[in-house]
Amino acid sequence: MTMVLCFEDVIMAHNISDKFKRYLLSIVLSTYESTRVKNGVLQMLGYDEMMLNAITVGDYRKRDPDVPIYQETLLRLLPEIDLPLKPEAKSVRDAICEALAERG
């Protein structure tokens, strides 16, 4: 969770390349995957929901008006994620799209 909480700062940084942001996003998604599946079996412990919410919202420390920019940046980076992480990327994309639709 600490990694996800710091991840927003990386995504929003203008002096960090998209390539490095995608690399860190892959690490975050890999960690998210590890909360969902262990030894090929889907886990139902709730950690995956907690991580998905943290990745999707990005803003747990303050009420940040840049959350939509964070989410749009994630949406832009997600299609270029490594193939093995595609299910997790899709889950994050769907959750972001849902959050943006709710916001109007």
PDB file of N, CA and C in Angstrom:
ATOM      1  N   MET A   1       0.818  -1.189   0.000  1.00  0.00           N
ATOM      2  CA  MET A   1       0.000   0.000   0.000  1.00  0.00           C
ATOM      3  C   MET A   1       0.863   1.255   0.000  1.00  0.00           C
ATOM      4  N   THR A   2       1.975   1.207   0.691  1.00  0.00           N
ATOM      5  CA  THR A   2       2.863   2.373   0.712  1.00  0.00           C
ATOM      6  C   THR A   2       3.346   2.695  -0.692  1.00  0.00           C
ATOM      7  N   MET A   3       3.675   1.652  -1.449  1.00  0.00           N
ATOM      8  CA  MET A   3       4.118   1.865  -2.825  1.00  0.00           C
ATOM      9  C   MET A   3       3.017   2.526  -3.639  1.00  0.00           C
ATOM     10  N   VAL A   4       1.790   2.083  -3.476  1.00  0.00           N
ATOM     11  CA  VAL A   4       0.674   2.654  -4.236  1.00  0.00           C
ATOM     12  C   VAL A   4       0.438   4.099  -3.819  1.00  0.00           C
ATOM     13  N   LEU A   5       0.576   4.394  -2.531  1.00  0.00           N
ATOM     14  CA  LEU A   5       0.369   5.755  -2.066  1.00  0.00           C
ATOM     15  C   LEU A   5       1.408   6.717  -2.645  1.00  0.00           C
ATOM     16  N   CYS A   6       2.630   6.231  -2.840  1.00  0.00           N
ATOM     17  CA  CYS A   6       3.679   7.061  -3.434  1.00  0.00           C
ATOM     18  C   CYS A   6       3.581   7.107  -4.950  1.00  0.00           C
ATOM     19  N   PHE A   7       2.890   6.164  -5.515  1.00  0.00           N
ATOM     20  CA  PHE A   7       2.808   6.028  -6.969  1.00  0.00           C
ATOM     21  C   PHE A   7       2.174   7.257  -7.629  1.00  0.00           C
ATOM     22  N   GLU A   8       1.189   7.864  -6.973  1.00  0.00           N
ATOM     23  CA  GLU A   8       0.560   9.060  -7.544  1.00  0.00           C
ATOM     24  C   GLU A   8       1.587  10.158  -7.785  1.00  0.00           C
ATOM     25  N   ASP A   9       2.512  10.342  -6.838  1.00  0.00           N
ATOM     26  CA  ASP A   9       3.535  11.377  -7.000  1.00  0.00           C
ATOM     27  C   ASP A   9       4.393  11.117  -8.232  1.00  0.00           C
ATOM     28  N   VAL A  10       4.705   9.856  -8.478  1.00  0.00           N
ATOM     29  CA  VAL A  10       5.514   9.496  -9.650  1.00  0.00           C
ATOM     30  C   VAL A  10       4.728   9.769 -10.937  1.00  0.00           C
ATOM     31  N   ILE A  11       3.479   9.322 -10.972  1.00  0.00           N
ATOM     32  CA  ILE A  11       2.657   9.503 -12.164  1.00  0.00           C
ATOM     33  C   ILE A  11       2.468  10.980 -12.482  1.00  0.00           C
ATOM     34  N   MET A  12       2.336  11.806 -11.469  1.00  0.00           N
ATOM     35  CA  MET A  12       2.075  13.231 -11.683  1.00  0.00           C
ATOM     36  C   MET A  12       3.338  14.042 -11.945  1.00  0.00           C
ATOM     37  N   ALA A  13       4.515  13.461 -11.726  1.00  0.00           N
ATOM     38  CA  ALA A  13       5.775  14.190 -11.915  1.00  0.00           C
ATOM     39  C   ALA A  13       6.023  14.460 -13.392  1.00  0.00           C
ATOM     40  N   HIS A  14       6.378  15.681 -13.691  1.00  0.00           N
ATOM     41  CA  HIS A  14       6.651  16.073 -15.074  1.00  0.00           C
ATOM     42  C   HIS A  14       8.081  15.728 -15.500  1.00  0.00           C
ATOM     43  N   ASN A  15       8.949  15.489 -14.537  1.00  0.00           N
ATOM     44  CA  ASN A  15      10.347  15.215 -14.858  1.00  0.00           C
ATOM     45  C   ASN A  15      10.678  13.719 -14.886  1.00  0.00           C
ATOM     46  N   ILE A  16       9.653  12.879 -14.898  1.00  0.00           N
ATOM     47  CA  ILE A  16       9.848  11.427 -14.986  1.00  0.00           C
ATOM     48  C   ILE A  16       9.263  10.964 -16.312  1.00  0.00           C
ATOM     49  N   SER A  17      10.031  10.177 -17.043  1.00  0.00           N
ATOM     50  CA  SER A  17       9.611   9.737 -18.377  1.00  0.00           C
ATOM     51  C   SER A  17       8.447   8.746 -18.299  1.00  0.00           C
ATOM     52  N   ASP A  18       7.662   8.699 -19.367  1.00  0.00           N
ATOM     53  CA  ASP A  18       6.569   7.732 -19.444  1.00  0.00           C
ATOM     54  C   ASP A  18       7.103   6.304 -19.381  1.00  0.00           C
ATOM     55  N   LYS A  19       8.276   6.081 -19.944  1.00  0.00           N
ATOM     56  CA  LYS A  19       8.868   4.744 -19.912  1.00  0.00           C
ATOM     57  C   LYS A  19       9.093   4.296 -18.469  1.00  0.00           C
ATOM     58  N   PHE A  20       9.623   5.176 -17.631  1.00  0.00           N
ATOM     59  CA  PHE A  20       9.859   4.833 -16.230  1.00  0.00           C
ATOM     60  C   PHE A  20       8.535   4.715 -15.478  1.00  0.00           C
ATOM     61  N   LYS A  21       7.575   5.558 -15.797  1.00  0.00           N
ATOM     62  CA  LYS A  21       6.251   5.472 -15.178  1.00  0.00           C
ATOM     63  C   LYS A  21       5.605   4.120 -15.501  1.00  0.00           C
ATOM     64  N   ARG A  22       5.729   3.661 -16.761  1.00  0.00           N
ATOM     65  CA  ARG A  22       5.194   2.352 -17.143  1.00  0.00           C
ATOM     66  C   ARG A  22       5.903   1.230 -16.387  1.00  0.00           C
ATOM     67  N   TYR A  23       7.198   1.370 -16.214  1.00  0.00           N
ATOM     68  CA  TYR A  23       7.975   0.377 -15.460  1.00  0.00           C
ATOM     69  C   TYR A  23       7.439   0.273 -14.029  1.00  0.00           C
ATOM     70  N   LEU A  24       7.259   1.411 -13.371  1.00  0.00           N
ATOM     71  CA  LEU A  24       6.741   1.398 -12.009  1.00  0.00           C
ATOM     72  C   LEU A  24       5.290   0.932 -11.971  1.00  0.00           C
ATOM     73  N   LEU A  25       4.512   1.280 -12.986  1.00  0.00           N
ATOM     74  CA  LEU A  25       3.137   0.800 -13.075  1.00  0.00           C
ATOM     75  C   LEU A  25       3.116  -0.724 -13.185  1.00  0.00           C
ATOM     76  N   SER A  26       4.050  -1.279 -13.935  1.00  0.00           N
ATOM     77  CA  SER A  26       4.149  -2.743 -14.040  1.00  0.00           C
ATOM     78  C   SER A  26       4.428  -3.375 -12.681  1.00  0.00           C
ATOM     79  N   ILE A  27       5.265  -2.739 -11.895  1.00  0.00           N
ATOM     80  CA  ILE A  27       5.563  -3.244 -10.548  1.00  0.00           C
ATOM     81  C   ILE A  27       4.314  -3.171  -9.675  1.00  0.00           C
ATOM     82  N   VAL A  28       3.600  -2.065  -9.752  1.00  0.00           N
ATOM     83  CA  VAL A  28       2.373  -1.910  -8.969  1.00  0.00           C
ATOM     84  C   VAL A  28       1.346  -2.959  -9.390  1.00  0.00           C
ATOM     85  N   LEU A  29       1.188  -3.157 -10.699  1.00  0.00           N
ATOM     86  CA  LEU A  29       0.223  -4.144 -11.179  1.00  0.00           C
ATOM     87  C   LEU A  29       0.639  -5.569 -10.812  1.00  0.00           C
ATOM     88  N   SER A  30       1.929  -5.836 -10.819  1.00  0.00           N
ATOM     89  CA  SER A  30       2.423  -7.150 -10.421  1.00  0.00           C
ATOM     90  C   SER A  30       2.125  -7.401  -8.939  1.00  0.00           C
ATOM     91  N   THR A  31       2.294  -6.380  -8.131  1.00  0.00           N
ATOM     92  CA  THR A  31       1.966  -6.491  -6.713  1.00  0.00           C
ATOM     93  C   THR A  31       0.469  -6.691  -6.529  1.00  0.00           C
ATOM     94  N   TYR A  32      -0.314  -5.946  -7.299  1.00  0.00           N
ATOM     95  CA  TYR A  32      -1.774  -6.112  -7.267  1.00  0.00           C
ATOM     96  C   TYR A  32      -2.147  -7.541  -7.644  1.00  0.00           C
ATOM     97  N   GLU A  33      -1.495  -8.074  -8.674  1.00  0.00           N
ATOM     98  CA  GLU A  33      -1.765  -9.461  -9.083  1.00  0.00           C
ATOM     99  C   GLU A  33      -1.461 -10.432  -7.939  1.00  0.00           C
ATOM    100  N   SER A  34      -0.384 -10.183  -7.201  1.00  0.00           N
ATOM    101  CA  SER A  34      -0.006 -11.095  -6.116  1.00  0.00           C
ATOM    102  C   SER A  34      -1.021 -11.073  -4.973  1.00  0.00           C
ATOM    103  N   THR A  35      -1.827 -10.014  -4.892  1.00  0.00           N
ATOM    104  CA  THR A  35      -2.879  -9.987  -3.867  1.00  0.00           C
ATOM    105  C   THR A  35      -4.106 -10.761  -4.337  1.00  0.00           C
ATOM    106  N   ARG A  36      -4.184 -11.038  -5.634  1.00  0.00           N
ATOM    107  CA  ARG A  36      -5.342 -11.718  -6.212  1.00  0.00           C
ATOM    108  C   ARG A  36      -5.130 -13.210  -6.393  1.00  0.00           C
ATOM    109  N   VAL A  37      -3.923 -13.607  -6.794  1.00  0.00           N
ATOM    110  CA  VAL A  37      -3.675 -14.998  -7.162  1.00  0.00           C
ATOM    111  C   VAL A  37      -2.438 -15.512  -6.426  1.00  0.00           C
ATOM    112  N   LYS A  38      -2.569 -16.703  -5.831  1.00  0.00           N
ATOM    113  CA  LYS A  38      -1.424 -17.344  -5.185  1.00  0.00           C
ATOM    114  C   LYS A  38      -1.427 -18.803  -5.613  1.00  0.00           C
ATOM    115  N   ASN A  39      -0.317 -19.249  -6.194  1.00  0.00           N
ATOM    116  CA  ASN A  39      -0.194 -20.615  -6.709  1.00  0.00           C
ATOM    117  C   ASN A  39      -1.323 -20.956  -7.679  1.00  0.00           C
ATOM    118  N   GLY A  40      -1.685 -19.976  -8.495  1.00  0.00           N
ATOM    119  CA  GLY A  40      -2.701 -20.202  -9.507  1.00  0.00           C
ATOM    120  C   GLY A  40      -4.135 -20.185  -9.006  1.00  0.00           C
ATOM    121  N   VAL A  41      -4.324 -19.888  -7.723  1.00  0.00           N
ATOM    122  CA  VAL A  41      -5.665 -19.887  -7.143  1.00  0.00           C
ATOM    123  C   VAL A  41      -6.055 -18.457  -6.769  1.00  0.00           C
ATOM    124  N   LEU A  42      -7.240 -18.040  -7.201  1.00  0.00           N
ATOM    125  CA  LEU A  42      -7.748 -16.714  -6.875  1.00  0.00           C
ATOM    126  C   LEU A  42      -8.004 -16.624  -5.377  1.00  0.00           C
ATOM    127  N   GLN A  43      -7.419 -15.614  -4.753  1.00  0.00           N
ATOM    128  CA  GLN A  43      -7.583 -15.399  -3.310  1.00  0.00           C
ATOM    129  C   GLN A  43      -8.778 -14.474  -3.073  1.00  0.00           C
ATOM    130  N   MET A  44      -9.491 -14.682  -2.032  1.00  0.00           N
ATOM    131  CA  MET A  44     -10.649 -13.860  -1.705  1.00  0.00           C
ATOM    132  C   MET A  44     -10.434 -13.207  -0.337  1.00  0.00           C
ATOM    133  N   LEU A  45      -9.328 -12.472  -0.184  1.00  0.00           N
ATOM    134  CA  LEU A  45      -8.974 -11.901   1.110  1.00  0.00           C
ATOM    135  C   LEU A  45      -9.295 -10.418   1.224  1.00  0.00           C
ATOM    136  N   GLY A  46      -9.651  -9.789   0.130  1.00  0.00           N
ATOM    137  CA  GLY A  46      -9.988  -8.372   0.166  1.00  0.00           C
ATOM    138  C   GLY A  46      -8.816  -7.441  -0.093  1.00  0.00           C
ATOM    139  N   TYR A  47      -7.581  -7.969  -0.057  1.00  0.00           N
ATOM    140  CA  TYR A  47      -6.425  -7.125  -0.316  1.00  0.00           C
ATOM    141  C   TYR A  47      -6.447  -6.594  -1.742  1.00  0.00           C
ATOM    142  N   ASP A  48      -6.949  -7.406  -2.663  1.00  0.00           N
ATOM    143  CA  ASP A  48      -6.994  -6.972  -4.049  1.00  0.00           C
ATOM    144  C   ASP A  48      -7.932  -5.782  -4.218  1.00  0.00           C
ATOM    145  N   GLU A  49      -9.058  -5.782  -3.528  1.00  0.00           N
ATOM    146  CA  GLU A  49      -9.973  -4.638  -3.606  1.00  0.00           C
ATOM    147  C   GLU A  49      -9.337  -3.394  -3.024  1.00  0.00           C
ATOM    148  N   MET A  50      -8.644  -3.549  -1.910  1.00  0.00           N
ATOM    149  CA  MET A  50      -7.982  -2.422  -1.270  1.00  0.00           C
ATOM    150  C   MET A  50      -6.944  -1.819  -2.211  1.00  0.00           C
ATOM    151  N   MET A  51      -6.148  -2.682  -2.844  1.00  0.00           N
ATOM    152  CA  MET A  51      -5.132  -2.179  -3.777  1.00  0.00           C
ATOM    153  C   MET A  51      -5.767  -1.550  -5.002  1.00  0.00           C
ATOM    154  N   LEU A  52      -6.794  -2.180  -5.546  1.00  0.00           N
ATOM    155  CA  LEU A  52      -7.457  -1.632  -6.721  1.00  0.00           C
ATOM    156  C   LEU A  52      -8.017  -0.247  -6.419  1.00  0.00           C
ATOM    157  N   ASN A  53      -8.646  -0.096  -5.263  1.00  0.00           N
ATOM    158  CA  ASN A  53      -9.172   1.220  -4.885  1.00  0.00           C
ATOM    159  C   ASN A  53      -8.054   2.247  -4.746  1.00  0.00           C
ATOM    160  N   ALA A  54      -6.952   1.846  -4.135  1.00  0.00           N
ATOM    161  CA  ALA A  54      -5.830   2.764  -3.954  1.00  0.00           C
ATOM    162  C   ALA A  54      -5.221   3.173  -5.292  1.00  0.00           C
ATOM    163  N   ILE A  55      -5.049   2.209  -6.183  1.00  0.00           N
ATOM    164  CA  ILE A  55      -4.486   2.522  -7.508  1.00  0.00           C
ATOM    165  C   ILE A  55      -5.438   3.421  -8.280  1.00  0.00           C
ATOM    166  N   THR A  56      -6.724   3.115  -8.231  1.00  0.00           N
ATOM    167  CA  THR A  56      -7.716   3.854  -9.003  1.00  0.00           C
ATOM    168  C   THR A  56      -7.870   5.284  -8.526  1.00  0.00           C
ATOM    169  N   VAL A  57      -7.997   5.462  -7.219  1.00  0.00           N
ATOM    170  CA  VAL A  57      -8.233   6.791  -6.662  1.00  0.00           C
ATOM    171  C   VAL A  57      -6.946   7.585  -6.609  1.00  0.00           C
ATOM    172  N   GLY A  58      -5.871   6.960  -6.152  1.00  0.00           N
ATOM    173  CA  GLY A  58      -4.583   7.630  -6.102  1.00  0.00           C
ATOM    174  C   GLY A  58      -4.439   8.639  -4.996  1.00  0.00           C
ATOM    175  N   ASP A  59      -5.527   9.149  -4.460  1.00  0.00           N
ATOM    176  CA  ASP A  59      -5.475  10.268  -3.518  1.00  0.00           C
ATOM    177  C   ASP A  59      -6.008   9.852  -2.159  1.00  0.00           C
ATOM    178  N   TYR A  60      -5.123   9.327  -1.316  1.00  0.00           N
ATOM    179  CA  TYR A  60      -5.554   8.943   0.024  1.00  0.00           C
ATOM    180  C   TYR A  60      -5.012   9.881   1.096  1.00  0.00           C
ATOM    181  N   ARG A  61      -4.114  10.763   0.730  1.00  0.00           N
ATOM    182  CA  ARG A  61      -3.502  11.633   1.724  1.00  0.00           C
ATOM    183  C   ARG A  61      -4.156  13.001   1.800  1.00  0.00           C
ATOM    184  N   LYS A  62      -4.796  13.406   0.737  1.00  0.00           N
ATOM    185  CA  LYS A  62      -5.365  14.756   0.681  1.00  0.00           C
ATOM    186  C   LYS A  62      -6.496  14.763  -0.339  1.00  0.00           C
ATOM    187  N   ARG A  63      -7.245  15.791  -0.378  1.00  0.00           N
ATOM    188  CA  ARG A  63      -8.279  15.939  -1.402  1.00  0.00           C
ATOM    189  C   ARG A  63      -7.628  16.683  -2.564  1.00  0.00           C
ATOM    190  N   ASP A  64      -7.146  15.942  -3.514  1.00  0.00           N
ATOM    191  CA  ASP A  64      -6.351  16.485  -4.606  1.00  0.00           C
ATOM    192  C   ASP A  64      -7.217  16.757  -5.831  1.00  0.00           C
ATOM    193  N   PRO A  65      -7.242  18.005  -6.308  1.00  0.00           N
ATOM    194  CA  PRO A  65      -8.028  18.302  -7.506  1.00  0.00           C
ATOM    195  C   PRO A  65      -7.441  17.682  -8.780  1.00  0.00           C
ATOM    196  N   ASP A  66      -6.222  17.145  -8.690  1.00  0.00           N
ATOM    197  CA  ASP A  66      -5.571  16.556  -9.860  1.00  0.00           C
ATOM    198  C   ASP A  66      -5.882  15.077 -10.045  1.00  0.00           C
ATOM    199  N   VAL A  67      -6.781  14.510  -9.232  1.00  0.00           N
ATOM    200  CA  VAL A  67      -7.110  13.091  -9.355  1.00  0.00           C
ATOM    201  C   VAL A  67      -7.536  12.739 -10.772  1.00  0.00           C
ATOM    202  N   PRO A  68      -8.404  13.528 -11.440  1.00  0.00           N
ATOM    203  CA  PRO A  68      -8.752  13.176 -12.831  1.00  0.00           C
ATOM    204  C   PRO A  68      -7.531  13.153 -13.759  1.00  0.00           C
ATOM    205  N   ILE A  69      -6.579  14.029 -13.545  1.00  0.00           N
ATOM    206  CA  ILE A  69      -5.362  14.036 -14.368  1.00  0.00           C
ATOM    207  C   ILE A  69      -4.556  12.764 -14.094  1.00  0.00           C
ATOM    208  N   TYR A  70      -4.454  12.382 -12.829  1.00  0.00           N
ATOM    209  CA  TYR A  70      -3.774  11.142 -12.449  1.00  0.00           C
ATOM    210  C   TYR A  70      -4.442   9.959 -13.144  1.00  0.00           C
ATOM    211  N   GLN A  71      -5.765   9.905 -13.071  1.00  0.00           N
ATOM    212  CA  GLN A  71      -6.495   8.792 -13.660  1.00  0.00           C
ATOM    213  C   GLN A  71      -6.360   8.779 -15.181  1.00  0.00           C
ATOM    214  N   GLU A  72      -6.419   9.931 -15.810  1.00  0.00           N
ATOM    215  CA  GLU A  72      -6.256   9.997 -17.270  1.00  0.00           C
ATOM    216  C   GLU A  72      -4.849   9.578 -17.686  1.00  0.00           C
ATOM    217  N   THR A  73      -3.852   9.929 -16.879  1.00  0.00           N
ATOM    218  CA  THR A  73      -2.477   9.510 -17.169  1.00  0.00           C
ATOM    219  C   THR A  73      -2.356   7.993 -17.067  1.00  0.00           C
ATOM    220  N   LEU A  74      -2.965   7.414 -16.043  1.00  0.00           N
ATOM    221  CA  LEU A  74      -2.956   5.955 -15.925  1.00  0.00           C
ATOM    222  C   LEU A  74      -3.633   5.312 -17.129  1.00  0.00           C
ATOM    223  N   LEU A  75      -4.765   5.851 -17.544  1.00  0.00           N
ATOM    224  CA  LEU A  75      -5.468   5.299 -18.707  1.00  0.00           C
ATOM    225  C   LEU A  75      -4.593   5.346 -19.952  1.00  0.00           C
ATOM    226  N   ARG A  76      -3.781   6.382 -20.066  1.00  0.00           N
ATOM    227  CA  ARG A  76      -2.882   6.510 -21.218  1.00  0.00           C
ATOM    228  C   ARG A  76      -1.746   5.496 -21.155  1.00  0.00           C
ATOM    229  N   LEU A  77      -1.264   5.193 -19.952  1.00  0.00           N
ATOM    230  CA  LEU A  77      -0.119   4.283 -19.787  1.00  0.00           C
ATOM    231  C   LEU A  77      -0.518   2.807 -19.808  1.00  0.00           C
ATOM    232  N   LEU A  78      -1.717   2.493 -19.372  1.00  0.00           N
ATOM    233  CA  LEU A  78      -2.129   1.092 -19.223  1.00  0.00           C
ATOM    234  C   LEU A  78      -2.068   0.253 -20.495  1.00  0.00           C
ATOM    235  N   PRO A  79      -2.447   0.758 -21.670  1.00  0.00           N
ATOM    236  CA  PRO A  79      -2.412  -0.108 -22.857  1.00  0.00           C
ATOM    237  C   PRO A  79      -1.019  -0.616 -23.233  1.00  0.00           C
ATOM    238  N   GLU A  80       0.018   0.033 -22.737  1.00  0.00           N
ATOM    239  CA  GLU A  80       1.378  -0.351 -23.100  1.00  0.00           C
ATOM    240  C   GLU A  80       2.030  -1.264 -22.060  1.00  0.00           C
ATOM    241  N   ILE A  81       1.234  -1.829 -21.165  1.00  0.00           N
ATOM    242  CA  ILE A  81       1.744  -2.699 -20.109  1.00  0.00           C
ATOM    243  C   ILE A  81       2.016  -4.091 -20.687  1.00  0.00           C
ATOM    244  N   ASP A  82       2.976  -4.797 -20.093  1.00  0.00           N
ATOM    245  CA  ASP A  82       3.344  -6.148 -20.529  1.00  0.00           C
ATOM    246  C   ASP A  82       2.138  -7.084 -20.554  1.00  0.00           C
ATOM    247  N   LEU A  83       2.155  -7.973 -21.513  1.00  0.00           N
ATOM    248  CA  LEU A  83       1.051  -8.905 -21.730  1.00  0.00           C
ATOM    249  C   LEU A  83       0.631  -9.702 -20.493  1.00  0.00           C
ATOM    250  N   PRO A  84       1.549 -10.263 -19.692  1.00  0.00           N
ATOM    251  CA  PRO A  84       1.103 -11.043 -18.531  1.00  0.00           C
ATOM    252  C   PRO A  84       0.274 -10.236 -17.517  1.00  0.00           C
ATOM    253  N   LEU A  85       0.433  -8.931 -17.519  1.00  0.00           N
ATOM    254  CA  LEU A  85      -0.287  -8.098 -16.562  1.00  0.00           C
ATOM    255  C   LEU A  85      -1.573  -7.515 -17.134  1.00  0.00           C
ATOM    256  N   LYS A  86      -1.950  -7.920 -18.334  1.00  0.00           N
ATOM    257  CA  LYS A  86      -3.144  -7.363 -18.973  1.00  0.00           C
ATOM    258  C   LYS A  86      -4.416  -7.514 -18.144  1.00  0.00           C
ATOM    259  N   PRO A  87      -4.688  -8.661 -17.486  1.00  0.00           N
ATOM    260  CA  PRO A  87      -5.921  -8.746 -16.684  1.00  0.00           C
ATOM    261  C   PRO A  87      -5.964  -7.699 -15.568  1.00  0.00           C
ATOM    262  N   GLU A  88      -4.834  -7.467 -14.919  1.00  0.00           N
ATOM    263  CA  GLU A  88      -4.782  -6.471 -13.858  1.00  0.00           C
ATOM    264  C   GLU A  88      -4.935  -5.060 -14.441  1.00  0.00           C
ATOM    265  N   ALA A  89      -4.297  -4.827 -15.581  1.00  0.00           N
ATOM    266  CA  ALA A  89      -4.426  -3.528 -16.245  1.00  0.00           C
ATOM    267  C   ALA A  89      -5.883  -3.271 -16.628  1.00  0.00           C
ATOM    268  N   LYS A  90      -6.561  -4.304 -17.101  1.00  0.00           N
ATOM    269  CA  LYS A  90      -7.974  -4.167 -17.463  1.00  0.00           C
ATOM    270  C   LYS A  90      -8.822  -3.859 -16.232  1.00  0.00           C
ATOM    271  N   SER A  91      -8.543  -4.516 -15.118  1.00  0.00           N
ATOM    272  CA  SER A  91      -9.286  -4.249 -13.878  1.00  0.00           C
ATOM    273  C   SER A  91      -9.107  -2.801 -13.443  1.00  0.00           C
ATOM    274  N   VAL A  92      -7.884  -2.306 -13.510  1.00  0.00           N
ATOM    275  CA  VAL A  92      -7.603  -0.920 -13.135  1.00  0.00           C
ATOM    276  C   VAL A  92      -8.289   0.028 -14.113  1.00  0.00           C
ATOM    277  N   ARG A  93      -8.174  -0.253 -15.408  1.00  0.00           N
ATOM    278  CA  ARG A  93      -8.817   0.600 -16.416  1.00  0.00           C
ATOM    279  C   ARG A  93     -10.326   0.670 -16.194  1.00  0.00           C
ATOM    280  N   ASP A  94     -10.953  -0.471 -15.979  1.00  0.00           N
ATOM    281  CA  ASP A  94     -12.398  -0.501 -15.759  1.00  0.00           C
ATOM    282  C   ASP A  94     -12.791   0.289 -14.514  1.00  0.00           C
ATOM    283  N   ALA A  95     -12.015   0.154 -13.441  1.00  0.00           N
ATOM    284  CA  ALA A  95     -12.317   0.875 -12.202  1.00  0.00           C
ATOM    285  C   ALA A  95     -12.153   2.380 -12.390  1.00  0.00           C
ATOM    286  N   ILE A  96     -11.129   2.797 -13.131  1.00  0.00           N
ATOM    287  CA  ILE A  96     -10.930   4.226 -13.391  1.00  0.00           C
ATOM    288  C   ILE A  96     -12.070   4.766 -14.239  1.00  0.00           C
ATOM    289  N   CYS A  97     -12.445   4.042 -15.289  1.00  0.00           N
ATOM    290  CA  CYS A  97     -13.544   4.481 -16.155  1.00  0.00           C
ATOM    291  C   CYS A  97     -14.837   4.615 -15.352  1.00  0.00           C
ATOM    292  N   GLU A  98     -15.072   3.687 -14.451  1.00  0.00           N
ATOM    293  CA  GLU A  98     -16.260   3.749 -13.598  1.00  0.00           C
ATOM    294  C   GLU A  98     -16.221   4.975 -12.697  1.00  0.00           C
ATOM    295  N   ALA A  99     -15.041   5.245 -12.108  1.00  0.00           N
ATOM    296  CA  ALA A  99     -14.900   6.407 -11.224  1.00  0.00           C
ATOM    297  C   ALA A  99     -15.092   7.702 -11.992  1.00  0.00           C
ATOM    298  N   LEU A 100     -14.550   7.779 -13.193  1.00  0.00           N
ATOM    299  CA  LEU A 100     -14.708   8.984 -14.016  1.00  0.00           C
ATOM    300  C   LEU A 100     -16.171   9.174 -14.425  1.00  0.00           C
ATOM    301  N   ALA A 101     -16.864   8.080 -14.737  1.00  0.00           N
ATOM    302  CA  ALA A 101     -18.274   8.156 -15.124  1.00  0.00           C
ATOM    303  C   ALA A 101     -19.130   8.627 -13.940  1.00  0.00           C
ATOM    304  N   GLU A 102     -18.816   8.152 -12.746  1.00  0.00           N
ATOM    305  CA  GLU A 102     -19.560   8.571 -11.556  1.00  0.00           C
ATOM    306  C   GLU A 102     -19.362  10.052 -11.279  1.00  0.00           C
ATOM    307  N   ARG A 103     -18.160  10.546 -11.542  1.00  0.00           N
ATOM    308  CA  ARG A 103     -17.855  11.954 -11.297  1.00  0.00           C
ATOM    309  C   ARG A 103     -18.593  12.843 -12.290  1.00  0.00           C
ATOM    310  N   GLY A 104     -18.869  12.265 -13.468  1.00  0.00           N
ATOM    311  CA  GLY A 104     -19.642  13.008 -14.467  1.00  0.00           C
ATOM    312  C   GLY A 104     -18.782  13.720 -15.377  1.00  0.00           C
TER     313      GLY A 104
END
